[in-house]
């Protein structure tokens, strides 16, 4: 007797798939109920994703509001601080980040943030070029303070952790922030895989992140790890 797992895929299964995909109309009350249930579920996922996106924008606004007067706050440093603050806020978004040259990077979010900031009339992102170098500057708009109500609602309970990250990196240069964030991301990857965390495994993973990471020396990598450990971002013994 064939089980549910190994029975053949029938024409009825094919039709049901088309129906659930919205390509053909339901042919029974049961199919209509199944389609309605699926549509409601998909709608709830979209709403949840939309809410998560707005929360991320609000958190990003807090970072910019706190640091837009700092000369070191450019595009790269901003991206890295969003990553770190999302982590300490326990938003569970690590899987959305890819390994890019400057460290962990969420392409879709970062390419939409400027448009969303302007839509909310919170901040504009201005670009200026000097000697083939593009500098990004965040400029507050007329409603930039209105994000704060959302922020207090979403992140009030973890505000201390977020402010700790912001102040920890306030005066740090982009290069320092990029290095520290990538070291932190490597540490998390090893930890989540239950892999051995030592000097060799950390440096190996760091150098395999991107070709550009080879500009950092092994000593710089281990010193960054130790700095993160001393500041409480990494709960691990010294590298061996």
C-alpha atoms as a PDB file:
ATOM      1  CA  UNK A   1       0.000   0.000   0.000  1.00  0.00           C
ATOM      2  CA  UNK A   2       1.399   3.391  -1.009  1.00  0.00           C
ATOM      3  CA  UNK A   3       1.898   5.978   1.681  1.00  0.00           C
ATOM      4  CA  UNK A   4       1.077   9.693   1.444  1.00  0.00           C
ATOM      5  CA  UNK A   5       4.786  10.396   0.971  1.00  0.00           C
ATOM      6  CA  UNK A   6       5.349   8.182  -2.067  1.00  0.00           C
ATOM      7  CA  UNK A   7       2.001   8.333  -3.884  1.00  0.00           C
ATOM      8  CA  UNK A   8       2.097   9.628  -7.465  1.00  0.00           C
ATOM      9  CA  UNK A   9       1.400  13.264  -8.247  1.00  0.00           C
ATOM     10  CA  UNK A  10      -2.058  13.327  -9.864  1.00  0.00           C
ATOM     11  CA  UNK A  11      -3.818  15.716 -12.234  1.00  0.00           C
ATOM     12  CA  UNK A  12      -6.049  16.703  -9.295  1.00  0.00           C
ATOM     13  CA  UNK A  13      -2.924  17.723  -7.376  1.00  0.00           C
ATOM     14  CA  UNK A  14      -1.826  19.793 -10.364  1.00  0.00           C
ATOM     15  CA  UNK A  15      -5.207  21.526 -10.571  1.00  0.00           C
ATOM     16  CA  UNK A  16      -5.164  22.220  -6.842  1.00  0.00           C
ATOM     17  CA  UNK A  17      -1.738  23.791  -7.176  1.00  0.00           C
ATOM     18  CA  UNK A  18      -3.014  26.064  -9.935  1.00  0.00           C
ATOM     19  CA  UNK A  19      -6.021  26.978  -7.805  1.00  0.00           C
ATOM     20  CA  UNK A  20      -3.894  27.848  -4.760  1.00  0.00           C
ATOM     21  CA  UNK A  21      -1.649  29.929  -7.001  1.00  0.00           C
ATOM     22  CA  UNK A  22      -4.722  31.875  -8.105  1.00  0.00           C
ATOM     23  CA  UNK A  23      -4.464  30.734 -11.720  1.00  0.00           C
ATOM     24  CA  UNK A  24      -7.829  28.953 -11.804  1.00  0.00           C
ATOM     25  CA  UNK A  25     -11.018  29.430  -9.777  1.00  0.00           C
ATOM     26  CA  UNK A  26     -11.914  27.102  -6.861  1.00  0.00           C
ATOM     27  CA  UNK A  27     -14.295  24.325  -7.906  1.00  0.00           C
ATOM     28  CA  UNK A  28     -15.721  23.534  -4.463  1.00  0.00           C
ATOM     29  CA  UNK A  29     -16.510  25.131  -1.106  1.00  0.00           C
ATOM     30  CA  UNK A  30     -13.552  23.312   0.430  1.00  0.00           C
ATOM     31  CA  UNK A  31     -11.161  24.631  -2.218  1.00  0.00           C
ATOM     32  CA  UNK A  32     -12.560  28.132  -1.746  1.00  0.00           C
ATOM     33  CA  UNK A  33     -11.921  27.866   2.010  1.00  0.00           C
ATOM     34  CA  UNK A  34      -8.383  26.603   1.394  1.00  0.00           C
ATOM     35  CA  UNK A  35      -7.669  29.479  -0.996  1.00  0.00           C
ATOM     36  CA  UNK A  36      -9.119  32.038   1.432  1.00  0.00           C
ATOM     37  CA  UNK A  37      -7.009  30.610   4.253  1.00  0.00           C
ATOM     38  CA  UNK A  38      -3.849  30.734   2.128  1.00  0.00           C
ATOM     39  CA  UNK A  39      -4.521  34.321   1.040  1.00  0.00           C
ATOM     40  CA  UNK A  40      -5.083  35.391   4.651  1.00  0.00           C
ATOM     41  CA  UNK A  41      -1.822  33.734   5.673  1.00  0.00           C
ATOM     42  CA  UNK A  42       0.130  35.399   2.847  1.00  0.00           C
ATOM     43  CA  UNK A  43      -1.404  38.766   3.760  1.00  0.00           C
ATOM     44  CA  UNK A  44      -0.340  38.340   7.389  1.00  0.00           C
ATOM     45  CA  UNK A  45       3.226  37.562   6.258  1.00  0.00           C
ATOM     46  CA  UNK A  46       3.318  40.706   4.105  1.00  0.00           C
ATOM     47  CA  UNK A  47       1.960  42.811   6.965  1.00  0.00           C
ATOM     48  CA  UNK A  48       4.525  41.357   9.352  1.00  0.00           C
ATOM     49  CA  UNK A  49       7.324  42.026   6.866  1.00  0.00           C
ATOM     50  CA  UNK A  50       6.068  45.583   6.369  1.00  0.00           C
ATOM     51  CA  UNK A  51       6.018  46.164  10.134  1.00  0.00           C
ATOM     52  CA  UNK A  52       9.541  44.776  10.469  1.00  0.00           C
ATOM     53  CA  UNK A  53      10.749  47.052   7.676  1.00  0.00           C
ATOM     54  CA  UNK A  54       9.291  50.145   9.332  1.00  0.00           C
ATOM     55  CA  UNK A  55      10.823  49.174  12.682  1.00  0.00           C
ATOM     56  CA  UNK A  56      14.200  48.930  10.971  1.00  0.00           C
ATOM     57  CA  UNK A  57      13.726  52.372   9.429  1.00  0.00           C
ATOM     58  CA  UNK A  58      12.856  53.794  12.853  1.00  0.00           C
ATOM     59  CA  UNK A  59      15.954  52.226  14.410  1.00  0.00           C
ATOM     60  CA  UNK A  60      18.081  53.582  11.570  1.00  0.00           C
ATOM     61  CA  UNK A  61      16.579  57.028  12.200  1.00  0.00           C
ATOM     62  CA  UNK A  62      17.689  56.873  15.838  1.00  0.00           C
ATOM     63  CA  UNK A  63      21.254  56.138  14.729  1.00  0.00           C
ATOM     64  CA  UNK A  64      21.253  59.040  12.270  1.00  0.00           C
ATOM     65  CA  UNK A  65      19.583  61.446  14.707  1.00  0.00           C
ATOM     66  CA  UNK A  66      22.273  60.664  17.271  1.00  0.00           C
ATOM     67  CA  UNK A  67      25.249  60.892  14.918  1.00  0.00           C
ATOM     68  CA  UNK A  68      24.472  63.077  11.896  1.00  0.00           C
ATOM     69  CA  UNK A  69      26.749  65.837  13.218  1.00  0.00           C
ATOM     70  CA  UNK A  70      29.685  63.433  13.481  1.00  0.00           C
ATOM     71  CA  UNK A  71      32.108  63.764  10.513  1.00  0.00           C
ATOM     72  CA  UNK A  72      32.713  60.002  10.534  1.00  0.00           C
ATOM     73  CA  UNK A  73      29.075  59.067   9.870  1.00  0.00           C
ATOM     74  CA  UNK A  74      28.994  58.076   6.230  1.00  0.00           C
ATOM     75  CA  UNK A  75      27.231  55.342   4.318  1.00  0.00           C
ATOM     76  CA  UNK A  76      29.480  52.447   5.387  1.00  0.00           C
ATOM     77  CA  UNK A  77      29.604  53.313   9.083  1.00  0.00           C
ATOM     78  CA  UNK A  78      25.837  53.831   9.095  1.00  0.00           C
ATOM     79  CA  UNK A  79      25.277  50.389   7.548  1.00  0.00           C
ATOM     80  CA  UNK A  80      27.488  48.686  10.122  1.00  0.00           C
ATOM     81  CA  UNK A  81      25.806  50.425  13.058  1.00  0.00           C
ATOM     82  CA  UNK A  82      22.376  49.374  11.788  1.00  0.00           C
ATOM     83  CA  UNK A  83      23.617  45.771  11.760  1.00  0.00           C
ATOM     84  CA  UNK A  84      25.027  45.970  15.297  1.00  0.00           C
ATOM     85  CA  UNK A  85      22.015  47.796  16.745  1.00  0.00           C
ATOM     86  CA  UNK A  86      19.595  45.318  15.176  1.00  0.00           C
ATOM     87  CA  UNK A  87      21.586  42.554  16.819  1.00  0.00           C
ATOM     88  CA  UNK A  88      21.530  44.030  20.333  1.00  0.00           C
ATOM     89  CA  UNK A  89      17.818  44.818  19.841  1.00  0.00           C
ATOM     90  CA  UNK A  90      17.349  41.073  19.180  1.00  0.00           C
ATOM     91  CA  UNK A  91      15.452  41.630  15.937  1.00  0.00           C
ATOM     92  CA  UNK A  92      16.598  38.285  14.519  1.00  0.00           C
ATOM     93  CA  UNK A  93      17.559  39.642  11.098  1.00  0.00           C
ATOM     94  CA  UNK A  94      21.085  38.262  10.718  1.00  0.00           C
ATOM     95  CA  UNK A  95      20.058  35.996   7.832  1.00  0.00           C
ATOM     96  CA  UNK A  96      19.088  39.040   5.746  1.00  0.00           C
ATOM     97  CA  UNK A  97      22.702  40.187   5.587  1.00  0.00           C
ATOM     98  CA  UNK A  98      25.120  39.093   2.874  1.00  0.00           C
ATOM     99  CA  UNK A  99      28.900  39.052   2.985  1.00  0.00           C
ATOM    100  CA  UNK A 100      30.069  42.141   1.122  1.00  0.00           C
ATOM    101  CA  UNK A 101      33.416  43.910   0.811  1.00  0.00           C
ATOM    102  CA  UNK A 102      32.719  46.351   3.660  1.00  0.00           C
ATOM    103  CA  UNK A 103      31.185  43.733   5.963  1.00  0.00           C
ATOM    104  CA  UNK A 104      27.642  42.440   6.565  1.00  0.00           C
ATOM    105  CA  UNK A 105      25.238  44.178   4.184  1.00  0.00           C
ATOM    106  CA  UNK A 106      21.474  44.029   3.543  1.00  0.00           C
ATOM    107  CA  UNK A 107      21.267  45.213  -0.049  1.00  0.00           C
ATOM    108  CA  UNK A 108      17.482  45.650  -0.333  1.00  0.00           C
ATOM    109  CA  UNK A 109      17.098  47.547   2.923  1.00  0.00           C
ATOM    110  CA  UNK A 110      20.070  49.832   2.452  1.00  0.00           C
ATOM    111  CA  UNK A 111      19.078  50.764  -1.085  1.00  0.00           C
ATOM    112  CA  UNK A 112      15.589  51.739   0.071  1.00  0.00           C
ATOM    113  CA  UNK A 113      16.412  53.578   3.286  1.00  0.00           C
ATOM    114  CA  UNK A 114      17.167  56.938   1.671  1.00  0.00           C
ATOM    115  CA  UNK A 115      13.850  56.955  -0.160  1.00  0.00           C
ATOM    116  CA  UNK A 116      11.970  55.989   3.011  1.00  0.00           C
ATOM    117  CA  UNK A 117      13.742  58.655   5.081  1.00  0.00           C
ATOM    118  CA  UNK A 118      12.737  61.289   2.546  1.00  0.00           C
ATOM    119  CA  UNK A 119       9.175  59.951   2.315  1.00  0.00           C
ATOM    120  CA  UNK A 120       8.801  60.335   6.086  1.00  0.00           C
ATOM    121  CA  UNK A 121      10.539  63.750   5.886  1.00  0.00           C
ATOM    122  CA  UNK A 122      13.066  62.595   8.459  1.00  0.00           C
ATOM    123  CA  UNK A 123      16.406  62.813   6.645  1.00  0.00           C
ATOM    124  CA  UNK A 124      17.934  63.431   3.246  1.00  0.00           C
ATOM    125  CA  UNK A 125      21.142  61.730   2.156  1.00  0.00           C
ATOM    126  CA  UNK A 126      23.390  64.103   0.228  1.00  0.00           C
ATOM    127  CA  UNK A 127      26.376  63.075  -1.859  1.00  0.00           C
ATOM    128  CA  UNK A 128      29.492  65.060  -2.650  1.00  0.00           C
ATOM    129  CA  UNK A 129      32.580  64.020  -4.622  1.00  0.00           C
ATOM    130  CA  UNK A 130      36.150  64.993  -3.821  1.00  0.00           C
ATOM    131  CA  UNK A 131      39.129  63.464  -5.639  1.00  0.00           C
ATOM    132  CA  UNK A 132      37.088  60.461  -6.846  1.00  0.00           C
ATOM    133  CA  UNK A 133      35.810  59.868  -3.311  1.00  0.00           C
ATOM    134  CA  UNK A 134      32.054  60.013  -2.694  1.00  0.00           C
ATOM    135  CA  UNK A 135      31.024  61.290   0.711  1.00  0.00           C
ATOM    136  CA  UNK A 136      27.539  60.753   2.130  1.00  0.00           C
ATOM    137  CA  UNK A 137      25.995  63.192   4.571  1.00  0.00           C
ATOM    138  CA  UNK A 138      22.720  62.831   6.475  1.00  0.00           C
ATOM    139  CA  UNK A 139      20.694  66.035   6.671  1.00  0.00           C
ATOM    140  CA  UNK A 140      17.675  66.317   9.013  1.00  0.00           C
ATOM    141  CA  UNK A 141      14.375  67.325   7.400  1.00  0.00           C
ATOM    142  CA  UNK A 142      11.400  69.156   8.878  1.00  0.00           C
ATOM    143  CA  UNK A 143       9.794  66.123  10.551  1.00  0.00           C
ATOM    144  CA  UNK A 144      12.934  64.314  11.695  1.00  0.00           C
ATOM    145  CA  UNK A 145      11.914  64.371  15.360  1.00  0.00           C
ATOM    146  CA  UNK A 146       8.591  62.592  14.735  1.00  0.00           C
ATOM    147  CA  UNK A 147      10.283  59.181  14.482  1.00  0.00           C
ATOM    148  CA  UNK A 148      10.970  59.321  18.232  1.00  0.00           C
ATOM    149  CA  UNK A 149       7.465  58.279  19.261  1.00  0.00           C
ATOM    150  CA  UNK A 150       7.743  55.142  17.148  1.00  0.00           C
ATOM    151  CA  UNK A 151      11.228  54.500  18.488  1.00  0.00           C
ATOM    152  CA  UNK A 152      10.153  54.694  22.127  1.00  0.00           C
ATOM    153  CA  UNK A 153       7.274  52.339  21.391  1.00  0.00           C
ATOM    154  CA  UNK A 154       9.356  49.778  19.506  1.00  0.00           C
ATOM    155  CA  UNK A 155      12.687  49.957  21.299  1.00  0.00           C
ATOM    156  CA  UNK A 156      12.047  51.447  24.733  1.00  0.00           C
ATOM    157  CA  UNK A 157      12.978  48.225  26.514  1.00  0.00           C
ATOM    158  CA  UNK A 158      16.282  47.827  24.652  1.00  0.00           C
ATOM    159  CA  UNK A 159      17.170  51.506  24.330  1.00  0.00           C
ATOM    160  CA  UNK A 160      20.109  51.226  26.743  1.00  0.00           C
ATOM    161  CA  UNK A 161      21.718  48.537  24.585  1.00  0.00           C
ATOM    162  CA  UNK A 162      21.210  50.564  21.408  1.00  0.00           C
ATOM    163  CA  UNK A 163      22.619  53.732  22.970  1.00  0.00           C
ATOM    164  CA  UNK A 164      25.619  51.748  24.178  1.00  0.00           C
ATOM    165  CA  UNK A 165      26.451  50.745  20.588  1.00  0.00           C
ATOM    166  CA  UNK A 166      25.908  54.275  19.283  1.00  0.00           C
ATOM    167  CA  UNK A 167      28.174  55.836  21.911  1.00  0.00           C
ATOM    168  CA  UNK A 168      30.755  53.068  21.610  1.00  0.00           C
ATOM    169  CA  UNK A 169      31.283  53.886  17.937  1.00  0.00           C
ATOM    170  CA  UNK A 170      30.467  57.611  17.991  1.00  0.00           C
ATOM    171  CA  UNK A 171      34.050  58.798  17.515  1.00  0.00           C
ATOM    172  CA  UNK A 172      35.367  55.710  15.757  1.00  0.00           C
ATOM    173  CA  UNK A 173      36.422  55.986  12.127  1.00  0.00           C
ATOM    174  CA  UNK A 174      34.787  54.027   9.320  1.00  0.00           C
ATOM    175  CA  UNK A 175      37.743  51.651   8.936  1.00  0.00           C
ATOM    176  CA  UNK A 176      37.679  50.747  12.628  1.00  0.00           C
ATOM    177  CA  UNK A 177      33.904  50.216  12.536  1.00  0.00           C
ATOM    178  CA  UNK A 178      34.074  48.054   9.411  1.00  0.00           C
ATOM    179  CA  UNK A 179      36.785  45.867  10.934  1.00  0.00           C
ATOM    180  CA  UNK A 180      35.001  45.458  14.268  1.00  0.00           C
ATOM    181  CA  UNK A 181      31.641  44.682  12.667  1.00  0.00           C
ATOM    182  CA  UNK A 182      33.117  42.062  10.349  1.00  0.00           C
ATOM    183  CA  UNK A 183      35.026  40.439  13.221  1.00  0.00           C
ATOM    184  CA  UNK A 184      31.794  40.404  15.215  1.00  0.00           C
ATOM    185  CA  UNK A 185      29.885  38.831  12.290  1.00  0.00           C
ATOM    186  CA  UNK A 186      32.588  36.155  11.926  1.00  0.00           C
ATOM    187  CA  UNK A 187      32.365  35.414  15.636  1.00  0.00           C
ATOM    188  CA  UNK A 188      28.573  35.044  15.394  1.00  0.00           C
ATOM    189  CA  UNK A 189      28.869  32.709  12.412  1.00  0.00           C
ATOM    190  CA  UNK A 190      31.313  30.442  14.223  1.00  0.00           C
ATOM    191  CA  UNK A 191      29.213  30.517  17.376  1.00  0.00           C
ATOM    192  CA  UNK A 192      25.957  29.720  15.550  1.00  0.00           C
ATOM    193  CA  UNK A 193      27.633  26.771  13.826  1.00  0.00           C
ATOM    194  CA  UNK A 194      28.987  25.508  17.160  1.00  0.00           C
ATOM    195  CA  UNK A 195      32.422  25.681  15.559  1.00  0.00           C
ATOM    196  CA  UNK A 196      35.697  26.068  17.403  1.00  0.00           C
ATOM    197  CA  UNK A 197      36.447  29.738  18.036  1.00  0.00           C
ATOM    198  CA  UNK A 198      40.164  30.372  18.117  1.00  0.00           C
ATOM    199  CA  UNK A 199      42.686  32.628  16.444  1.00  0.00           C
ATOM    200  CA  UNK A 200      43.039  30.380  13.403  1.00  0.00           C
ATOM    201  CA  UNK A 201      39.310  29.855  12.739  1.00  0.00           C
ATOM    202  CA  UNK A 202      38.502  33.551  13.192  1.00  0.00           C
ATOM    203  CA  UNK A 203      41.272  34.803  10.908  1.00  0.00           C
ATOM    204  CA  UNK A 204      40.528  32.150   8.286  1.00  0.00           C
ATOM    205  CA  UNK A 205      36.831  33.070   8.172  1.00  0.00           C
ATOM    206  CA  UNK A 206      37.653  36.788   8.161  1.00  0.00           C
ATOM    207  CA  UNK A 207      40.024  36.524   5.188  1.00  0.00           C
ATOM    208  CA  UNK A 208      37.545  34.364   3.289  1.00  0.00           C
ATOM    209  CA  UNK A 209      34.835  36.994   3.766  1.00  0.00           C
ATOM    210  CA  UNK A 210      36.031  39.125   0.840  1.00  0.00           C
ATOM    211  CA  UNK A 211      39.286  39.827  -0.963  1.00  0.00           C
ATOM    212  CA  UNK A 212      39.338  43.371   0.430  1.00  0.00           C
ATOM    213  CA  UNK A 213      39.603  42.019   3.982  1.00  0.00           C
ATOM    214  CA  UNK A 214      43.195  41.001   3.350  1.00  0.00           C
ATOM    215  CA  UNK A 215      44.228  44.628   3.822  1.00  0.00           C
ATOM    216  CA  UNK A 216      43.807  44.051   7.567  1.00  0.00           C
ATOM    217  CA  UNK A 217      46.667  42.298   9.357  1.00  0.00           C
ATOM    218  CA  UNK A 218      46.198  39.287  11.621  1.00  0.00           C
ATOM    219  CA  UNK A 219      47.234  41.460  14.543  1.00  0.00           C
ATOM    220  CA  UNK A 220      44.529  44.034  13.711  1.00  0.00           C
ATOM    221  CA  UNK A 221      41.900  41.287  13.548  1.00  0.00           C
ATOM    222  CA  UNK A 222      42.815  39.783  16.911  1.00  0.00           C
ATOM    223  CA  UNK A 223      43.063  43.227  18.542  1.00  0.00           C
ATOM    224  CA  UNK A 224      39.586  44.070  17.233  1.00  0.00           C
ATOM    225  CA  UNK A 225      38.254  40.814  18.679  1.00  0.00           C
ATOM    226  CA  UNK A 226      39.813  41.644  22.043  1.00  0.00           C
ATOM    227  CA  UNK A 227      38.336  45.163  21.948  1.00  0.00           C
ATOM    228  CA  UNK A 228      34.867  43.730  21.265  1.00  0.00           C
ATOM    229  CA  UNK A 229      35.359  41.256  24.102  1.00  0.00           C
ATOM    230  CA  UNK A 230      36.433  43.940  26.546  1.00  0.00           C
ATOM    231  CA  UNK A 231      33.435  46.081  25.566  1.00  0.00           C
ATOM    232  CA  UNK A 232      31.059  43.186  26.233  1.00  0.00           C
ATOM    233  CA  UNK A 233      29.869  42.579  22.668  1.00  0.00           C
ATOM    234  CA  UNK A 234      31.592  39.206  22.564  1.00  0.00           C
ATOM    235  CA  UNK A 235      31.116  36.767  25.439  1.00  0.00           C
ATOM    236  CA  UNK A 236      34.099  34.546  24.827  1.00  0.00           C
ATOM    237  CA  UNK A 237      37.436  33.858  26.412  1.00  0.00           C
ATOM    238  CA  UNK A 238      40.616  35.229  24.889  1.00  0.00           C
ATOM    239  CA  UNK A 239      41.654  33.861  21.505  1.00  0.00           C
ATOM    240  CA  UNK A 240      44.244  31.082  21.583  1.00  0.00           C
END
